[in-house]
Amino acid sequence: MAGKIYTKTWVRVTIICALGAAVISGGAAIMAALLGKESSVQSSPFPARTDITITSPKNGETVDKAFTIRGRTKSIESREVHAWAAIEIGELLWIKEPEIRIEDRFWKSEIVEGGSASPGSFSLLLVGVTVRGQQYITQWIAQCKRTGSWPGIRINDIPGAAVLDRVDNLKFK
């Protein structure tokens, strides 16, 4: 009889602990889902220490409307990570084609700013995205090309996006 009571108690404790752990780990995901946000509990495709940087241009430089962005990296640990350059003015981004191809320790991409507005200053972002974010960006670009309108987007609107590096206080000539 004592063995049966001990076994039942152990099973109850195990179930309660398992449910408690599920509530704790899943609670954030459930709340995020209810609020319409992605959960930070989900594993990220980005390394905890992202080793990808923009080396040129530098903070505060003046650039032409067509300029080269250069950078370096030691490695990208996930093939599911895509990198894009974006111009940020205020809270809005304009993703720049083409996607940045990082195949070696050093990379570069040509940026062309076609907008007529000449902001006082802007930031250049290196945005990493997951496969879902990649789909969002390619659909956004296709729609912009179809309509001829290039509305800015917010980083939070892009699924699975993270700013990998940034250069601030740039100005156009």
C-alpha atoms as a PDB file:
ATOM      1  CA  MET A   1       0.000   0.000   0.000  1.00  0.00           C
ATOM      2  CA  ALA A   2       2.780   2.410   0.882  1.00  0.00           C
ATOM      3  CA  GLY A   3       4.389   1.782  -2.514  1.00  0.00           C
ATOM      4  CA  LYS A   4       1.171   2.621  -4.337  1.00  0.00           C
ATOM      5  CA  ILE A   5       0.703   5.883  -2.428  1.00  0.00           C
ATOM      6  CA  TYR A   6       4.321   6.840  -3.134  1.00  0.00           C
ATOM      7  CA  THR A   7       3.901   6.048  -6.858  1.00  0.00           C
ATOM      8  CA  LYS A   8       0.665   8.021  -7.149  1.00  0.00           C
ATOM      9  CA  THR A   9       2.228  10.975  -5.326  1.00  0.00           C
ATOM     10  CA  TRP A  10       5.307  10.851  -7.558  1.00  0.00           C
ATOM     11  CA  VAL A  11       3.122  10.746 -10.697  1.00  0.00           C
ATOM     12  CA  ARG A  12       1.075  13.727  -9.465  1.00  0.00           C
ATOM     13  CA  VAL A  13       4.213  15.728  -8.637  1.00  0.00           C
ATOM     14  CA  THR A  14       5.706  14.883 -12.050  1.00  0.00           C
ATOM     15  CA  ILE A  15       2.534  15.930 -13.873  1.00  0.00           C
ATOM     16  CA  ILE A  16       2.241  19.147 -11.871  1.00  0.00           C
ATOM     17  CA  CYS A  17       5.922  20.007 -12.512  1.00  0.00           C
ATOM     18  CA  ALA A  18       5.548  19.253 -16.227  1.00  0.00           C
ATOM     19  CA  LEU A  19       2.430  21.407 -16.462  1.00  0.00           C
ATOM     20  CA  GLY A  20       4.145  24.191 -14.533  1.00  0.00           C
ATOM     21  CA  ALA A  21       7.141  24.103 -16.874  1.00  0.00           C
ATOM     22  CA  ALA A  22       4.845  24.128 -19.904  1.00  0.00           C
ATOM     23  CA  VAL A  23       2.951  27.120 -18.542  1.00  0.00           C
ATOM     24  CA  ILE A  24       6.147  28.999 -17.750  1.00  0.00           C
ATOM     25  CA  SER A  25       7.818  28.309 -21.097  1.00  0.00           C
ATOM     26  CA  GLY A  26       4.659  28.546 -23.157  1.00  0.00           C
ATOM     27  CA  GLY A  27       3.135  31.470 -21.287  1.00  0.00           C
ATOM     28  CA  ALA A  28       5.232  34.026 -23.122  1.00  0.00           C
ATOM     29  CA  ALA A  29       4.418  32.418 -26.463  1.00  0.00           C
ATOM     30  CA  ILE A  30       0.703  32.326 -25.636  1.00  0.00           C
ATOM     31  CA  MET A  31       0.714  35.985 -24.547  1.00  0.00           C
ATOM     32  CA  ALA A  32       2.662  36.965 -27.644  1.00  0.00           C
ATOM     33  CA  ALA A  33       0.192  35.087 -29.844  1.00  0.00           C
ATOM     34  CA  LEU A  34      -2.735  36.787 -28.141  1.00  0.00           C
ATOM     35  CA  LEU A  35      -1.077  40.166 -28.651  1.00  0.00           C
ATOM     36  CA  GLY A  36      -0.223  39.352 -32.267  1.00  0.00           C
ATOM     37  CA  LYS A  37       3.541  39.432 -31.673  1.00  0.00           C
ATOM     38  CA  GLU A  38       6.255  36.852 -32.233  1.00  0.00           C
ATOM     39  CA  SER A  39       7.514  35.291 -29.040  1.00  0.00           C
ATOM     40  CA  SER A  40      11.059  35.694 -27.816  1.00  0.00           C
ATOM     41  CA  VAL A  41      10.762  32.132 -26.488  1.00  0.00           C
ATOM     42  CA  GLN A  42      11.039  30.796 -30.034  1.00  0.00           C
ATOM     43  CA  SER A  43      14.565  29.956 -31.075  1.00  0.00           C
ATOM     44  CA  SER A  44      16.190  32.595 -33.227  1.00  0.00           C
ATOM     45  CA  PRO A  45      18.039  31.748 -36.453  1.00  0.00           C
ATOM     46  CA  PHE A  46      20.515  34.506 -35.609  1.00  0.00           C
ATOM     47  CA  PRO A  47      23.610  33.696 -33.581  1.00  0.00           C
ATOM     48  CA  ALA A  48      23.584  35.233 -30.103  1.00  0.00           C
ATOM     49  CA  ARG A  49      26.664  37.246 -31.074  1.00  0.00           C
ATOM     50  CA  THR A  50      26.216  38.188 -34.689  1.00  0.00           C
ATOM     51  CA  ASP A  51      29.589  38.684 -36.285  1.00  0.00           C
ATOM     52  CA  ILE A  52      28.612  40.699 -39.344  1.00  0.00           C
ATOM     53  CA  THR A  53      29.395  44.396 -39.603  1.00  0.00           C
ATOM     54  CA  ILE A  54      29.216  47.318 -41.982  1.00  0.00           C
ATOM     55  CA  THR A  55      32.726  48.683 -42.504  1.00  0.00           C
ATOM     56  CA  SER A  56      31.848  51.417 -45.007  1.00  0.00           C
ATOM     57  CA  PRO A  57      30.372  53.989 -44.976  1.00  0.00           C
ATOM     58  CA  LYS A  58      31.120  55.172 -41.427  1.00  0.00           C
ATOM     59  CA  ASN A  59      28.895  57.127 -39.021  1.00  0.00           C
ATOM     60  CA  GLY A  60      28.460  60.747 -40.057  1.00  0.00           C
ATOM     61  CA  GLU A  61      29.796  60.427 -43.625  1.00  0.00           C
ATOM     62  CA  THR A  62      28.288  62.105 -46.683  1.00  0.00           C
ATOM     63  CA  VAL A  63      27.474  59.748 -49.571  1.00  0.00           C
ATOM     64  CA  ASP A  64      26.202  59.978 -53.150  1.00  0.00           C
ATOM     65  CA  LYS A  65      22.693  58.743 -54.007  1.00  0.00           C
ATOM     66  CA  ALA A  66      24.488  55.690 -55.443  1.00  0.00           C
ATOM     67  CA  PHE A  67      27.130  54.294 -53.113  1.00  0.00           C
ATOM     68  CA  THR A  68      28.791  51.042 -52.079  1.00  0.00           C
ATOM     69  CA  ILE A  69      28.190  49.406 -48.736  1.00  0.00           C
ATOM     70  CA  ARG A  70      31.001  47.148 -47.552  1.00  0.00           C
ATOM     71  CA  GLY A  71      31.266  44.793 -44.644  1.00  0.00           C
ATOM     72  CA  ARG A  72      32.890  41.790 -43.110  1.00  0.00           C
ATOM     73  CA  THR A  73      31.848  38.649 -41.299  1.00  0.00           C
ATOM     74  CA  LYS A  74      33.492  35.593 -39.817  1.00  0.00           C
ATOM     75  CA  SER A  75      30.567  33.321 -40.611  1.00  0.00           C
ATOM     76  CA  ILE A  76      26.835  32.991 -40.824  1.00  0.00           C
ATOM     77  CA  GLU A  77      25.742  29.922 -38.924  1.00  0.00           C
ATOM     78  CA  SER A  78      22.394  29.477 -40.634  1.00  0.00           C
ATOM     79  CA  ARG A  79      21.645  29.221 -44.333  1.00  0.00           C
ATOM     80  CA  GLU A  80      18.133  30.403 -43.498  1.00  0.00           C
ATOM     81  CA  VAL A  81      19.400  33.906 -42.677  1.00  0.00           C
ATOM     82  CA  HIS A  82      19.153  36.501 -45.452  1.00  0.00           C
ATOM     83  CA  ALA A  83      20.765  39.935 -45.287  1.00  0.00           C
ATOM     84  CA  TRP A  84      19.446  43.158 -46.813  1.00  0.00           C
ATOM     85  CA  ALA A  85      20.602  46.756 -46.700  1.00  0.00           C
ATOM     86  CA  ALA A  86      17.962  49.298 -45.779  1.00  0.00           C
ATOM     87  CA  ILE A  87      17.799  53.056 -45.477  1.00  0.00           C
ATOM     88  CA  GLU A  88      16.048  54.195 -42.324  1.00  0.00           C
ATOM     89  CA  ILE A  89      14.492  57.631 -42.025  1.00  0.00           C
ATOM     90  CA  GLY A  90      12.640  58.138 -38.781  1.00  0.00           C
ATOM     91  CA  GLU A  91      10.890  54.862 -38.021  1.00  0.00           C
ATOM     92  CA  LEU A  92      10.533  53.764 -41.655  1.00  0.00           C
ATOM     93  CA  LEU A  93      12.781  51.531 -43.746  1.00  0.00           C
ATOM     94  CA  TRP A  94      13.314  51.210 -47.461  1.00  0.00           C
ATOM     95  CA  ILE A  95      14.882  47.853 -48.288  1.00  0.00           C
ATOM     96  CA  LYS A  96      17.493  48.096 -51.042  1.00  0.00           C
ATOM     97  CA  GLU A  97      18.008  45.559 -53.794  1.00  0.00           C
ATOM     98  CA  PRO A  98      19.787  43.315 -54.355  1.00  0.00           C
ATOM     99  CA  GLU A  99      19.927  41.023 -51.340  1.00  0.00           C
ATOM    100  CA  ILE A 100      23.405  41.066 -49.860  1.00  0.00           C
ATOM    101  CA  ARG A 101      25.281  37.894 -50.751  1.00  0.00           C
ATOM    102  CA  ILE A 102      27.663  36.943 -47.998  1.00  0.00           C
ATOM    103  CA  GLU A 103      29.883  34.250 -49.399  1.00  0.00           C
ATOM    104  CA  ASP A 104      33.210  35.187 -47.889  1.00  0.00           C
ATOM    105  CA  ARG A 105      34.623  37.164 -44.978  1.00  0.00           C
ATOM    106  CA  PHE A 106      34.198  40.400 -46.947  1.00  0.00           C
ATOM    107  CA  TRP A 107      31.128  41.505 -48.876  1.00  0.00           C
ATOM    108  CA  LYS A 108      29.833  44.542 -50.720  1.00  0.00           C
ATOM    109  CA  SER A 109      26.655  45.761 -52.330  1.00  0.00           C
ATOM    110  CA  GLU A 110      25.703  48.751 -54.457  1.00  0.00           C
ATOM    111  CA  ILE A 111      22.988  50.966 -52.977  1.00  0.00           C
ATOM    112  CA  VAL A 112      20.917  53.359 -55.072  1.00  0.00           C
ATOM    113  CA  GLU A 113      18.556  55.792 -53.386  1.00  0.00           C
ATOM    114  CA  GLY A 114      15.883  56.754 -55.881  1.00  0.00           C
ATOM    115  CA  GLY A 115      13.669  58.769 -53.560  1.00  0.00           C
ATOM    116  CA  SER A 116      13.225  62.462 -54.216  1.00  0.00           C
ATOM    117  CA  ALA A 117      13.159  63.436 -50.559  1.00  0.00           C
ATOM    118  CA  SER A 118      16.468  64.614 -49.184  1.00  0.00           C
ATOM    119  CA  PRO A 119      16.402  63.971 -45.445  1.00  0.00           C
ATOM    120  CA  GLY A 120      18.711  65.855 -43.132  1.00  0.00           C
ATOM    121  CA  SER A 121      20.281  62.556 -42.101  1.00  0.00           C
ATOM    122  CA  PHE A 122      19.497  58.883 -42.360  1.00  0.00           C
ATOM    123  CA  SER A 123      20.739  55.532 -41.127  1.00  0.00           C
ATOM    124  CA  LEU A 124      21.952  52.562 -43.105  1.00  0.00           C
ATOM    125  CA  LEU A 125      20.878  49.234 -41.631  1.00  0.00           C
ATOM    126  CA  LEU A 126      21.974  45.696 -42.265  1.00  0.00           C
ATOM    127  CA  VAL A 127      18.790  43.701 -41.706  1.00  0.00           C
ATOM    128  CA  GLY A 128      18.836  39.948 -41.203  1.00  0.00           C
ATOM    129  CA  VAL A 129      15.633  38.045 -41.901  1.00  0.00           C
ATOM    130  CA  THR A 130      14.339  34.503 -41.668  1.00  0.00           C
ATOM    131  CA  VAL A 131      12.670  32.695 -44.553  1.00  0.00           C
ATOM    132  CA  ARG A 132       9.324  34.316 -43.620  1.00  0.00           C
ATOM    133  CA  GLY A 133      10.952  37.741 -43.597  1.00  0.00           C
ATOM    134  CA  GLN A 134      12.547  37.004 -46.955  1.00  0.00           C
ATOM    135  CA  GLN A 135       9.119  36.231 -48.408  1.00  0.00           C
ATOM    136  CA  TYR A 136       7.714  39.462 -46.932  1.00  0.00           C
ATOM    137  CA  ILE A 137      10.523  41.561 -48.445  1.00  0.00           C
ATOM    138  CA  THR A 138      10.345  39.978 -51.905  1.00  0.00           C
ATOM    139  CA  GLN A 139       6.559  40.464 -51.960  1.00  0.00           C
ATOM    140  CA  TRP A 140       6.968  44.096 -50.816  1.00  0.00           C
ATOM    141  CA  ILE A 141       9.520  44.746 -53.590  1.00  0.00           C
ATOM    142  CA  ALA A 142       7.296  43.097 -56.235  1.00  0.00           C
ATOM    143  CA  GLN A 143       4.285  45.164 -55.130  1.00  0.00           C
ATOM    144  CA  CYS A 144       6.341  48.378 -55.160  1.00  0.00           C
ATOM    145  CA  LYS A 145       7.555  47.636 -58.690  1.00  0.00           C
ATOM    146  CA  ARG A 146       3.979  46.924 -59.840  1.00  0.00           C
ATOM    147  CA  THR A 147       2.514  50.090 -58.344  1.00  0.00           C
ATOM    148  CA  GLY A 148       5.485  52.429 -58.731  1.00  0.00           C
ATOM    149  CA  SER A 149       5.008  53.430 -55.084  1.00  0.00           C
ATOM    150  CA  TRP A 150       7.664  52.630 -52.457  1.00  0.00           C
ATOM    151  CA  PRO A 151       6.055  53.152 -49.039  1.00  0.00           C
ATOM    152  CA  GLY A 152       8.349  52.784 -46.059  1.00  0.00           C
ATOM    153  CA  ILE A 153       7.930  49.794 -43.754  1.00  0.00           C
ATOM    154  CA  ARG A 154       8.678  49.294 -40.081  1.00  0.00           C
ATOM    155  CA  ILE A 155      11.211  46.725 -38.912  1.00  0.00           C
ATOM    156  CA  ASN A 156       8.532  45.181 -36.663  1.00  0.00           C
ATOM    157  CA  ASP A 157       6.345  44.545 -39.728  1.00  0.00           C
ATOM    158  CA  ILE A 158       8.933  42.179 -41.206  1.00  0.00           C
ATOM    159  CA  PRO A 159       8.564  38.675 -39.718  1.00  0.00           C
ATOM    160  CA  GLY A 160      11.751  37.339 -38.182  1.00  0.00           C
ATOM    161  CA  ALA A 161      13.768  40.512 -38.813  1.00  0.00           C
ATOM    162  CA  ALA A 162      16.651  41.827 -36.752  1.00  0.00           C
ATOM    163  CA  VAL A 163      19.039  44.720 -37.224  1.00  0.00           C
ATOM    164  CA  LEU A 164      22.470  43.111 -37.505  1.00  0.00           C
ATOM    165  CA  ASP A 165      24.403  46.381 -37.762  1.00  0.00           C
ATOM    166  CA  ARG A 166      23.773  50.051 -38.471  1.00  0.00           C
ATOM    167  CA  VAL A 167      25.523  53.247 -39.505  1.00  0.00           C
ATOM    168  CA  ASP A 168      23.936  56.488 -38.296  1.00  0.00           C
ATOM    169  CA  ASN A 169      23.926  60.175 -39.210  1.00  0.00           C
ATOM    170  CA  LEU A 170      24.658  59.701 -42.910  1.00  0.00           C
ATOM    171  CA  LYS A 171      23.872  62.498 -45.342  1.00  0.00           C
ATOM    172  CA  PHE A 172      23.388  62.630 -49.104  1.00  0.00           C
ATOM    173  CA  LYS A 173      25.547  64.997 -51.183  1.00  0.00           C
END
